[in-house]
Each structure stands twice: as C-alpha cells, then as structure tokens.
C-alpha atoms as a PDB file:
ATOM      1  CA  MET A   1     503.548 137.362 -19.413  1.00  0.00           C
ATOM      2  CA  PRO A   2     503.816 133.561 -19.383  1.00  0.00           C
ATOM      3  CA  ALA A   3     506.238 132.322 -22.010  1.00  0.00           C
ATOM      4  CA  ASN A   4     503.479 130.455 -23.861  1.00  0.00           C
ATOM      5  CA  GLU A   5     500.631 132.979 -23.574  1.00  0.00           C
ATOM      6  CA  ILE A   6     498.208 132.653 -26.502  1.00  0.00           C
ATOM      7  CA  ARG A   7     495.384 135.005 -25.426  1.00  0.00           C
ATOM      8  CA  LEU A   8     495.584 138.445 -27.027  1.00  0.00           C
ATOM      9  CA  ALA A   9     493.705 140.099 -24.173  1.00  0.00           C
ATOM     10  CA  LYS A  10     496.364 138.978 -21.689  1.00  0.00           C
ATOM     11  CA  MET A  11     499.238 140.585 -23.607  1.00  0.00           C
ATOM     12  CA  THR A  12     500.560 144.111 -23.501  1.00  0.00           C
ATOM     13  CA  ARG A  13     501.052 145.983 -26.756  1.00  0.00           C
ATOM     14  CA  ARG A  14     504.820 145.480 -26.463  1.00  0.00           C
ATOM     15  CA  GLU A  15     504.467 141.745 -25.952  1.00  0.00           C
ATOM     16  CA  PHE A  16     502.208 141.301 -28.951  1.00  0.00           C
ATOM     17  CA  ARG A  17     504.288 143.646 -31.120  1.00  0.00           C
ATOM     18  CA  GLU A  18     507.537 141.868 -30.342  1.00  0.00           C
ATOM     19  CA  ALA A  19     505.928 138.482 -30.864  1.00  0.00           C
ATOM     20  CA  THR A  20     504.645 139.408 -34.326  1.00  0.00           C
ATOM     21  CA  GLU A  21     507.960 141.023 -35.246  1.00  0.00           C
ATOM     22  CA  ALA A  22     509.587 137.705 -34.378  1.00  0.00           C
ATOM     23  CA  GLY A  23     507.224 135.907 -36.766  1.00  0.00           C
ATOM     24  CA  LYS A  24     504.812 134.565 -34.164  1.00  0.00           C
ATOM     25  CA  PHE A  25     501.006 134.705 -34.237  1.00  0.00           C
ATOM     26  CA  GLN A  26     500.589 134.848 -38.003  1.00  0.00           C
ATOM     27  CA  SER A  27     497.258 133.083 -37.559  1.00  0.00           C
ATOM     28  CA  CYS A  28     494.314 133.806 -35.309  1.00  0.00           C
ATOM     29  CA  VAL A  29     491.200 132.165 -33.883  1.00  0.00           C
ATOM     30  CA  ILE A  30     488.173 134.269 -32.962  1.00  0.00           C
ATOM     31  CA  PRO A  31     485.772 132.289 -30.736  1.00  0.00           C
ATOM     32  CA  VAL A  32     482.084 133.135 -31.101  1.00  0.00           C
ATOM     33  CA  GLY A  33     479.110 131.638 -29.331  1.00  0.00           C
ATOM     34  CA  ALA A  34     476.083 132.628 -27.294  1.00  0.00           C
ATOM     35  CA  ILE A  35     474.697 133.337 -23.855  1.00  0.00           C
ATOM     36  CA  GLU A  36     471.351 131.581 -23.913  1.00  0.00           C
ATOM     37  CA  GLN A  37     469.173 128.980 -22.252  1.00  0.00           C
ATOM     38  CA  HIS A  38     470.448 125.405 -22.339  1.00  0.00           C
ATOM     39  CA  LEU A  39     467.408 123.608 -20.948  1.00  0.00           C
ATOM     40  CA  GLU A  40     467.127 123.332 -17.180  1.00  0.00           C
ATOM     41  CA  HIS A  41     470.514 121.719 -16.549  1.00  0.00           C
ATOM     42  CA  LEU A  42     473.288 123.636 -18.365  1.00  0.00           C
ATOM     43  CA  ALA A  43     474.621 127.112 -17.660  1.00  0.00           C
ATOM     44  CA  MET A  44     473.866 129.753 -20.273  1.00  0.00           C
ATOM     45  CA  GLU A  45     477.536 130.333 -21.084  1.00  0.00           C
ATOM     46  CA  HIS A  46     477.980 126.867 -22.595  1.00  0.00           C
ATOM     47  CA  ASP A  47     478.331 127.840 -26.260  1.00  0.00           C
ATOM     48  CA  ILE A  48     480.939 130.554 -25.839  1.00  0.00           C
ATOM     49  CA  ARG A  49     482.851 128.797 -23.105  1.00  0.00           C
ATOM     50  CA  SER A  50     483.215 125.617 -25.143  1.00  0.00           C
ATOM     51  CA  ALA A  51     484.338 127.574 -28.221  1.00  0.00           C
ATOM     52  CA  CYS A  52     486.883 129.507 -26.150  1.00  0.00           C
ATOM     53  CA  THR A  53     488.229 126.401 -24.412  1.00  0.00           C
ATOM     54  CA  ILE A  54     488.732 124.550 -27.691  1.00  0.00           C
ATOM     55  CA  SER A  55     490.293 127.624 -29.332  1.00  0.00           C
ATOM     56  CA  GLU A  56     492.765 128.088 -26.502  1.00  0.00           C
ATOM     57  CA  GLU A  57     493.796 124.443 -26.429  1.00  0.00           C
ATOM     58  CA  VAL A  58     494.352 124.473 -30.188  1.00  0.00           C
ATOM     59  CA  ALA A  59     496.481 127.615 -29.923  1.00  0.00           C
ATOM     60  CA  ARG A  60     498.558 126.103 -27.112  1.00  0.00           C
ATOM     61  CA  ARG A  61     499.302 123.027 -29.193  1.00  0.00           C
ATOM     62  CA  LEU A  62     500.229 125.164 -32.201  1.00  0.00           C
ATOM     63  CA  PHE A  63     502.212 127.750 -30.229  1.00  0.00           C
ATOM     64  CA  PRO A  64     503.663 130.143 -31.338  1.00  0.00           C
ATOM     65  CA  GLN A  65     501.736 130.170 -34.603  1.00  0.00           C
ATOM     66  CA  VAL A  66     498.228 131.007 -33.366  1.00  0.00           C
ATOM     67  CA  VAL A  67     496.779 133.727 -31.145  1.00  0.00           C
ATOM     68  CA  VAL A  68     493.254 133.684 -29.691  1.00  0.00           C
ATOM     69  CA  ALA A  69     491.501 137.019 -30.110  1.00  0.00           C
ATOM     70  CA  SER A  70     488.841 138.301 -27.749  1.00  0.00           C
ATOM     71  CA  PRO A  71     485.590 136.328 -28.144  1.00  0.00           C
ATOM     72  CA  LEU A  72     482.177 137.573 -29.166  1.00  0.00           C
ATOM     73  CA  ASN A  73     480.397 136.294 -26.096  1.00  0.00           C
ATOM     74  CA  PHE A  74     476.763 136.427 -27.118  1.00  0.00           C
ATOM     75  CA  GLY A  75     475.309 135.715 -30.508  1.00  0.00           C
ATOM     76  CA  ILE A  76     472.168 135.541 -32.635  1.00  0.00           C
ATOM     77  CA  SER A  77     469.646 133.816 -30.380  1.00  0.00           C
ATOM     78  CA  GLU A  78     466.239 135.336 -31.050  1.00  0.00           C
ATOM     79  CA  HIS A  79     464.764 131.825 -31.163  1.00  0.00           C
ATOM     80  CA  HIS A  80     465.655 131.418 -27.471  1.00  0.00           C
ATOM     81  CA  MET A  81     464.402 134.771 -26.208  1.00  0.00           C
ATOM     82  CA  LEU A  82     461.167 133.305 -24.854  1.00  0.00           C
ATOM     83  CA  HIS A  83     463.373 131.875 -22.094  1.00  0.00           C
ATOM     84  CA  LYS A  84     464.362 134.576 -19.616  1.00  0.00           C
ATOM     85  CA  GLY A  85     468.067 135.286 -19.361  1.00  0.00           C
ATOM     86  CA  SER A  86     468.978 134.554 -22.975  1.00  0.00           C
ATOM     87  CA  LEU A  87     470.799 137.358 -24.793  1.00  0.00           C
ATOM     88  CA  SER A  88     470.502 138.007 -28.517  1.00  0.00           C
ATOM     89  CA  ALA A  89     472.153 140.421 -30.928  1.00  0.00           C
ATOM     90  CA  LYS A  90     470.492 141.586 -34.119  1.00  0.00           C
ATOM     91  CA  PRO A  91     472.132 139.807 -37.096  1.00  0.00           C
ATOM     92  CA  GLY A  92     473.385 143.021 -38.672  1.00  0.00           C
ATOM     93  CA  THR A  93     474.849 144.294 -35.415  1.00  0.00           C
ATOM     94  CA  TRP A  94     476.559 140.997 -34.659  1.00  0.00           C
ATOM     95  CA  LEU A  95     477.949 140.568 -38.171  1.00  0.00           C
ATOM     96  CA  SER A  96     479.335 144.112 -38.086  1.00  0.00           C
ATOM     97  CA  ALA A  97     481.163 143.427 -34.829  1.00  0.00           C
ATOM     98  CA  LEU A  98     482.548 140.153 -36.165  1.00  0.00           C
ATOM     99  CA  PHE A  99     483.688 141.780 -39.404  1.00  0.00           C
ATOM    100  CA  ASP A 100     485.488 144.475 -37.432  1.00  0.00           C
ATOM    101  CA  ALA A 101     487.239 141.886 -35.258  1.00  0.00           C
ATOM    102  CA  ILE A 102     488.416 139.995 -38.356  1.00  0.00           C
ATOM    103  CA  GLU A 103     489.584 143.191 -40.043  1.00  0.00           C
ATOM    104  CA  ASN A 104     491.489 144.256 -36.927  1.00  0.00           C
ATOM    105  CA  MET A 105     493.420 140.995 -36.800  1.00  0.00           C
ATOM    106  CA  VAL A 106     494.207 141.097 -40.532  1.00  0.00           C
ATOM    107  CA  ARG A 107     495.497 144.653 -40.140  1.00  0.00           C
ATOM    108  CA  HIS A 108     497.698 143.441 -37.299  1.00  0.00           C
ATOM    109  CA  GLY A 109     499.320 140.897 -39.585  1.00  0.00           C
ATOM    110  CA  CYS A 110     497.297 137.712 -39.196  1.00  0.00           C
ATOM    111  CA  ARG A 111     497.297 135.917 -42.529  1.00  0.00           C
ATOM    112  CA  ASN A 112     494.802 133.270 -41.433  1.00  0.00           C
ATOM    113  CA  VAL A 113     491.698 133.973 -39.364  1.00  0.00           C
ATOM    114  CA  LEU A 114     489.455 131.123 -38.261  1.00  0.00           C
ATOM    115  CA  VAL A 115     486.193 132.094 -36.604  1.00  0.00           C
ATOM    116  CA  LEU A 116     485.429 129.102 -34.381  1.00  0.00           C
ATOM    117  CA  ASN A 117     481.735 129.003 -33.642  1.00  0.00           C
ATOM    118  CA  GLY A 118     479.923 127.399 -30.718  1.00  0.00           C
ATOM    119  CA  HIS A 119     476.309 128.365 -31.505  1.00  0.00           C
ATOM    120  CA  GLY A 120     474.199 127.092 -34.393  1.00  0.00           C
ATOM    121  CA  GLY A 121     472.170 130.288 -34.667  1.00  0.00           C
ATOM    122  CA  ASN A 122     475.269 132.144 -35.854  1.00  0.00           C
ATOM    123  CA  GLU A 123     475.823 129.875 -38.839  1.00  0.00           C
ATOM    124  CA  ALA A 124     473.296 130.944 -41.481  1.00  0.00           C
ATOM    125  CA  PRO A 125     473.970 134.700 -41.158  1.00  0.00           C
ATOM    126  CA  VAL A 126     477.724 134.155 -41.535  1.00  0.00           C
ATOM    127  CA  TYR A 127     477.427 131.722 -44.446  1.00  0.00           C
ATOM    128  CA  GLY A 128     475.202 134.222 -46.205  1.00  0.00           C
ATOM    129  CA  ILE A 129     477.947 136.840 -46.265  1.00  0.00           C
ATOM    130  CA  LEU A 130     481.225 134.927 -45.869  1.00  0.00           C
ATOM    131  CA  ARG A 131     482.120 134.874 -49.560  1.00  0.00           C
ATOM    132  CA  GLN A 132     481.706 138.652 -49.789  1.00  0.00           C
ATOM    133  CA  TRP A 133     483.994 139.062 -46.810  1.00  0.00           C
ATOM    134  CA  GLN A 134     486.614 136.784 -48.320  1.00  0.00           C
ATOM    135  CA  LEU A 135     486.601 138.672 -51.608  1.00  0.00           C
ATOM    136  CA  TYR A 136     486.885 141.973 -49.763  1.00  0.00           C
ATOM    137  CA  PHE A 137     489.863 140.883 -47.682  1.00  0.00           C
ATOM    138  CA  GLN A 138     491.615 139.172 -50.566  1.00  0.00           C
ATOM    139  CA  SER A 139     491.299 142.327 -52.670  1.00  0.00           C
ATOM    140  CA  LEU A 140     493.184 144.304 -50.030  1.00  0.00           C
ATOM    141  CA  HIS A 141     495.298 141.524 -48.507  1.00  0.00           C
ATOM    142  CA  PRO A 142     495.752 138.752 -51.117  1.00  0.00           C
ATOM    143  CA  GLU A 143     497.434 136.496 -48.564  1.00  0.00           C
ATOM    144  CA  ALA A 144     494.504 136.671 -46.129  1.00  0.00           C
ATOM    145  CA  ASN A 145     492.423 133.544 -45.595  1.00  0.00           C
ATOM    146  CA  ILE A 146     489.187 134.028 -43.624  1.00  0.00           C
ATOM    147  CA  GLN A 147     487.207 130.940 -42.608  1.00  0.00           C
ATOM    148  CA  PHE A 148     484.274 130.136 -40.331  1.00  0.00           C
ATOM    149  CA  HIS A 149     483.436 126.776 -38.776  1.00  0.00           C
ATOM    150  CA  SER A 150     481.362 125.408 -35.927  1.00  0.00           C
ATOM    151  CA  TYR A 151     483.695 123.199 -33.947  1.00  0.00           C
ATOM    152  CA  TRP A 152     481.385 120.171 -34.058  1.00  0.00           C
ATOM    153  CA  ASN A 153     481.240 120.258 -37.861  1.00  0.00           C
ATOM    154  CA  LEU A 154     484.995 119.786 -38.078  1.00  0.00           C
ATOM    155  CA  SER A 155     484.724 116.568 -36.057  1.00  0.00           C
ATOM    156  CA  ARG A 156     481.161 115.445 -36.816  1.00  0.00           C
ATOM    157  CA  ASP A 157     482.006 112.038 -38.331  1.00  0.00           C
ATOM    158  CA  GLU A 158     484.109 111.022 -35.333  1.00  0.00           C
ATOM    159  CA  ALA A 159     481.676 112.535 -32.820  1.00  0.00           C
ATOM    160  CA  GLU A 160     478.776 110.539 -34.246  1.00  0.00           C
ATOM    161  CA  GLN A 161     480.696 107.360 -33.424  1.00  0.00           C
ATOM    162  CA  ILE A 162     480.726 108.396 -29.749  1.00  0.00           C
ATOM    163  CA  CYS A 163     477.281 109.928 -29.255  1.00  0.00           C
ATOM    164  CA  GLU A 164     474.245 107.662 -29.273  1.00  0.00           C
ATOM    165  CA  THR A 165     472.092 110.630 -30.296  1.00  0.00           C
ATOM    166  CA  GLY A 166     472.601 113.483 -32.749  1.00  0.00           C
ATOM    167  CA  VAL A 167     475.502 115.911 -33.037  1.00  0.00           C
ATOM    168  CA  PRO A 168     475.448 118.546 -31.717  1.00  0.00           C
ATOM    169  CA  GLY A 169     471.879 118.915 -30.462  1.00  0.00           C
ATOM    170  CA  HIS A 170     470.912 121.687 -28.069  1.00  0.00           C
ATOM    171  CA  ALA A 171     471.920 120.819 -24.492  1.00  0.00           C
ATOM    172  CA  GLN A 172     471.625 117.167 -25.437  1.00  0.00           C
ATOM    173  CA  GLU A 173     474.087 114.289 -25.066  1.00  0.00           C
ATOM    174  CA  TYR A 174     476.892 115.999 -27.022  1.00  0.00           C
ATOM    175  CA  GLU A 175     476.933 119.350 -25.255  1.00  0.00           C
ATOM    176  CA  THR A 176     476.157 117.888 -21.852  1.00  0.00           C
ATOM    177  CA  SER A 177     479.046 115.419 -22.180  1.00  0.00           C
ATOM    178  CA  ILE A 178     481.449 118.223 -23.063  1.00  0.00           C
ATOM    179  CA  ALA A 179     480.245 120.234 -20.086  1.00  0.00           C
ATOM    180  CA  LEU A 180     480.632 117.258 -17.743  1.00  0.00           C
ATOM    181  CA  HIS A 181     484.249 116.961 -18.849  1.00  0.00           C
ATOM    182  CA  LEU A 182     485.332 120.591 -19.185  1.00  0.00           C
ATOM    183  CA  PHE A 183     483.216 122.476 -16.642  1.00  0.00           C
ATOM    184  CA  PRO A 184     481.142 120.094 -14.498  1.00  0.00           C
ATOM    185  CA  GLU A 185     480.162 122.968 -12.215  1.00  0.00           C
ATOM    186  CA  ASN A 186     477.927 124.156 -15.077  1.00  0.00           C
ATOM    187  CA  VAL A 187     475.822 120.978 -15.016  1.00  0.00           C
ATOM    188  CA  ARG A 188     472.907 120.903 -12.566  1.00  0.00           C
ATOM    189  CA  GLN A 189     472.615 117.215 -11.826  1.00  0.00           C
ATOM    190  CA  ASP A 190     469.227 117.471 -10.131  1.00  0.00           C
ATOM    191  CA  ALA A 191     467.702 119.242 -13.133  1.00  0.00           C
ATOM    192  CA  LEU A 192     469.407 116.834 -15.526  1.00  0.00           C
ATOM    193  CA  LEU A 193     467.623 113.906 -13.920  1.00  0.00           C
ATOM    194  CA  ASP A 194     464.283 115.585 -13.296  1.00  0.00           C
ATOM    195  CA  GLN A 195     463.462 117.207 -16.666  1.00  0.00           C
ATOM    196  CA  GLU A 196     461.216 115.517 -19.226  1.00  0.00           C
ATOM    197  CA  ASP A 197     463.906 115.478 -21.924  1.00  0.00           C
ATOM    198  CA  GLN A 198     465.885 112.333 -21.150  1.00  0.00           C
ATOM    199  CA  LEU A 199     468.376 112.453 -24.030  1.00  0.00           C
ATOM    200  CA  PRO A 200     470.905 114.551 -22.062  1.00  0.00           C
ATOM    201  CA  GLN A 201     471.003 111.780 -19.471  1.00  0.00           C
ATOM    202  CA  GLN A 202     473.021 109.708 -21.930  1.00  0.00           C
ATOM    203  CA  ALA A 203     475.905 112.135 -21.485  1.00  0.00           C
ATOM    204  CA  THR A 204     479.054 111.162 -19.589  1.00  0.00           C
ATOM    205  CA  ALA A 205     482.284 112.933 -18.728  1.00  0.00           C
ATOM    206  CA  GLU A 206     484.236 110.218 -20.574  1.00  0.00           C
ATOM    207  CA  LYS A 207     482.294 110.884 -23.756  1.00  0.00           C
ATOM    208  CA  GLY A 208     482.996 114.575 -23.197  1.00  0.00           C
ATOM    209  CA  ARG A 209     486.723 113.905 -22.895  1.00  0.00           C
ATOM    210  CA  GLN A 210     486.725 112.075 -26.208  1.00  0.00           C
ATOM    211  CA  LEU A 211     484.549 114.682 -27.936  1.00  0.00           C
ATOM    212  CA  PHE A 212     486.737 117.518 -26.692  1.00  0.00           C
ATOM    213  CA  GLU A 213     489.936 115.828 -27.854  1.00  0.00           C
ATOM    214  CA  ILE A 214     488.471 115.100 -31.277  1.00  0.00           C
ATOM    215  CA  ALA A 215     487.267 118.707 -31.632  1.00  0.00           C
ATOM    216  CA  VAL A 216     490.712 120.019 -30.690  1.00  0.00           C
ATOM    217  CA  VAL A 217     492.573 117.686 -33.050  1.00  0.00           C
ATOM    218  CA  LYS A 218     490.305 118.337 -36.023  1.00  0.00           C
ATOM    219  CA  THR A 219     490.350 122.105 -35.476  1.00  0.00           C
ATOM    220  CA  MET A 220     494.122 121.986 -35.153  1.00  0.00           C
ATOM    221  CA  GLU A 221     494.413 120.012 -38.399  1.00  0.00           C
ATOM    222  CA  TYR A 222     492.172 122.501 -40.173  1.00  0.00           C
ATOM    223  CA  LEU A 223     494.281 125.430 -38.962  1.00  0.00           C
ATOM    224  CA  GLU A 224     497.514 123.687 -39.900  1.00  0.00           C
ATOM    225  CA  SER A 225     496.179 123.323 -43.429  1.00  0.00           C
ATOM    226  CA  MET A 226     495.282 127.026 -43.504  1.00  0.00           C
ATOM    227  CA  ILE A 227     498.791 127.886 -42.338  1.00  0.00           C
ATOM    228  CA  ALA A 228     500.209 125.709 -45.131  1.00  0.00           C
ATOM    229  CA  GLY A 229     498.124 127.569 -47.723  1.00  0.00           C
ATOM    230  CA  GLY A 230     495.110 125.262 -47.925  1.00  0.00           C
ATOM    231  CA  ASN A 231     491.430 125.455 -46.953  1.00  0.00           C
ATOM    232  CA  ARG A 232     490.786 128.632 -48.899  1.00  0.00           C
ATOM    233  CA  GLU A 233     487.455 127.649 -50.464  1.00  0.00           C
ATOM    234  CA  ILE A 234     483.963 128.202 -49.065  1.00  0.00           C
ATOM    235  CA  ARG A 235     481.918 126.008 -51.410  1.00  0.00           C
ATOM    236  CA  SER A 236     482.003 123.030 -49.049  1.00  0.00           C
ATOM    237  CA  HIS A 237     480.803 125.265 -46.195  1.00  0.00           C
ATOM    238  CA  LEU A 238     477.832 126.496 -48.200  1.00  0.00           C
ATOM    239  CA  MET A 239     476.898 123.002 -49.309  1.00  0.00           C
ATOM    240  CA  SER A 240     477.054 121.603 -45.787  1.00  0.00           C
ATOM    241  CA  TRP A 241     474.883 124.458 -44.544  1.00  0.00           C
ATOM    242  CA  GLN A 242     472.283 123.936 -47.283  1.00  0.00           C
ATOM    243  CA  LEU A 243     472.131 120.150 -47.060  1.00  0.00           C
ATOM    244  CA  ASP A 244     472.579 119.413 -43.353  1.00  0.00           C
ATOM    245  CA  PRO A 245     469.192 119.502 -41.564  1.00  0.00           C
ATOM    246  CA  ASN A 246     470.935 119.708 -38.173  1.00  0.00           C
ATOM    247  CA  VAL A 247     472.689 123.002 -38.867  1.00  0.00           C
ATOM    248  CA  GLY A 248     470.985 125.860 -37.069  1.00  0.00           C
ATOM    249  CA  ARG A 249     469.247 123.661 -34.494  1.00  0.00           C
ATOM    250  CA  GLN A 250     471.964 124.191 -31.897  1.00  0.00           C
END
C-alpha cells in the first residue's frame, strides 16, 4: 500500500486496522453523486466523479486524519429518467444504503463523517432525515458528528465571483469548467458548441482550476473544524435548503 493511501477500498483489513490503532483515519468522507444525463456535452459520471476527486484531494491534504469511504455512485435522479442512460435509486433505498455506510464507518471508529454530495437531487431527501440520523448516532456514540454538504455550497460565495452564471447549474458553466480542468476527456467539444444551450460555452479550464481549488480548500476547512469539535449543528443546513432556490436544480 502506498504510504499515503487514503482510499478505504484500496487497503487491506490489516492496513486499515493498524492505521486506526495508530490513531489515523478518525474522520471519514463518503462521496455521493449520480450517474445521469448532463446535456449533450458532459459524461454521465460527472456528479460522482467530481465528488470523489474533491474528497480524495481533501483527504490527501489532511493525511493521516481522513479516509475516503467507498462512494455511492448513483443517486436520486427520477427527474432525469426521461433521458436514456440516467440511473435513479428510490429515495428510501438510497437513504438506507447511505445510512448503512455512515453506520459502518462510525462502528469502525470514525468520529466525524462528512457525506460530500455532488448531485442536487440528493439534497432534499437527506435534509429531511439528517437530524434524526444525528440524534440516533449521538445516542449511541456521543462523540460522533455526522454532516452532509454539497461541495459547491461550501464554496458558493467564492465560486460566484468566478462564474458569470449561476452556481452550480446543471451541466452549465460551473460543472463544465470543473470537467474541463479535472477530466477534459468527459467534455464533448463538438456537442458543447452545437447545442442550443449556450451557457456552458462560458466554461474554461482555468475557471475549473480555480473552482476546484476553492471547493477543496473550503471542504478541508469544514472538515478541520469538525475534527476540532465544531460544525455539529444542522440548523444552517436546513435554512439554506429551504431558502436557496438553486438547491435541487443540479
């Protein structure tokens, strides 16, 4: 195993056991996203791949404090099912799988679990039940802190200074810029230029570089606060979900 491995799936049981016994990996990120249509120009893996890439970079910078658990690759995307190829889980099924993943990591000794989301359709179902989950875990593991965030919400103020259009948008300037920077092979340039929606054409790889760095830094800062004993409330999450008209349009 590489000396700085941060992906749980790449470790053996001995490697993870010895790491936790040495005090490493007391915190965890679970990336969640979607496999769904992203207009004519972006690959369907965009949401989960971006969430995973940000999660892994954050964990590398915070090594050896944070481990990245296996992602939930597809999400709640019924609103995209009219486009062939999109995958969608039923909300109850998806929430059950996510709950189990969180519980597994808490049982393995992770005191802080951040679910880092890359798909807007996952937000409302989680926010509707997150407080119940927190109370459940805190009743059994008082030290446990369970949080959920979409990566763009942690860096929205800074991102809006870079993007000429909204944040995040669905396959618009924000997401297309990130794809151009992180995985340009997922951007079909011919379709980007030919489709009627011209907003994605404002995307650039340089904007994507800046947006990615901001997302990593802000997520890292949020996790560092969790590790220090902060960010234990959910009221601000619920308020942002209820008041922000952009949430859920991803």
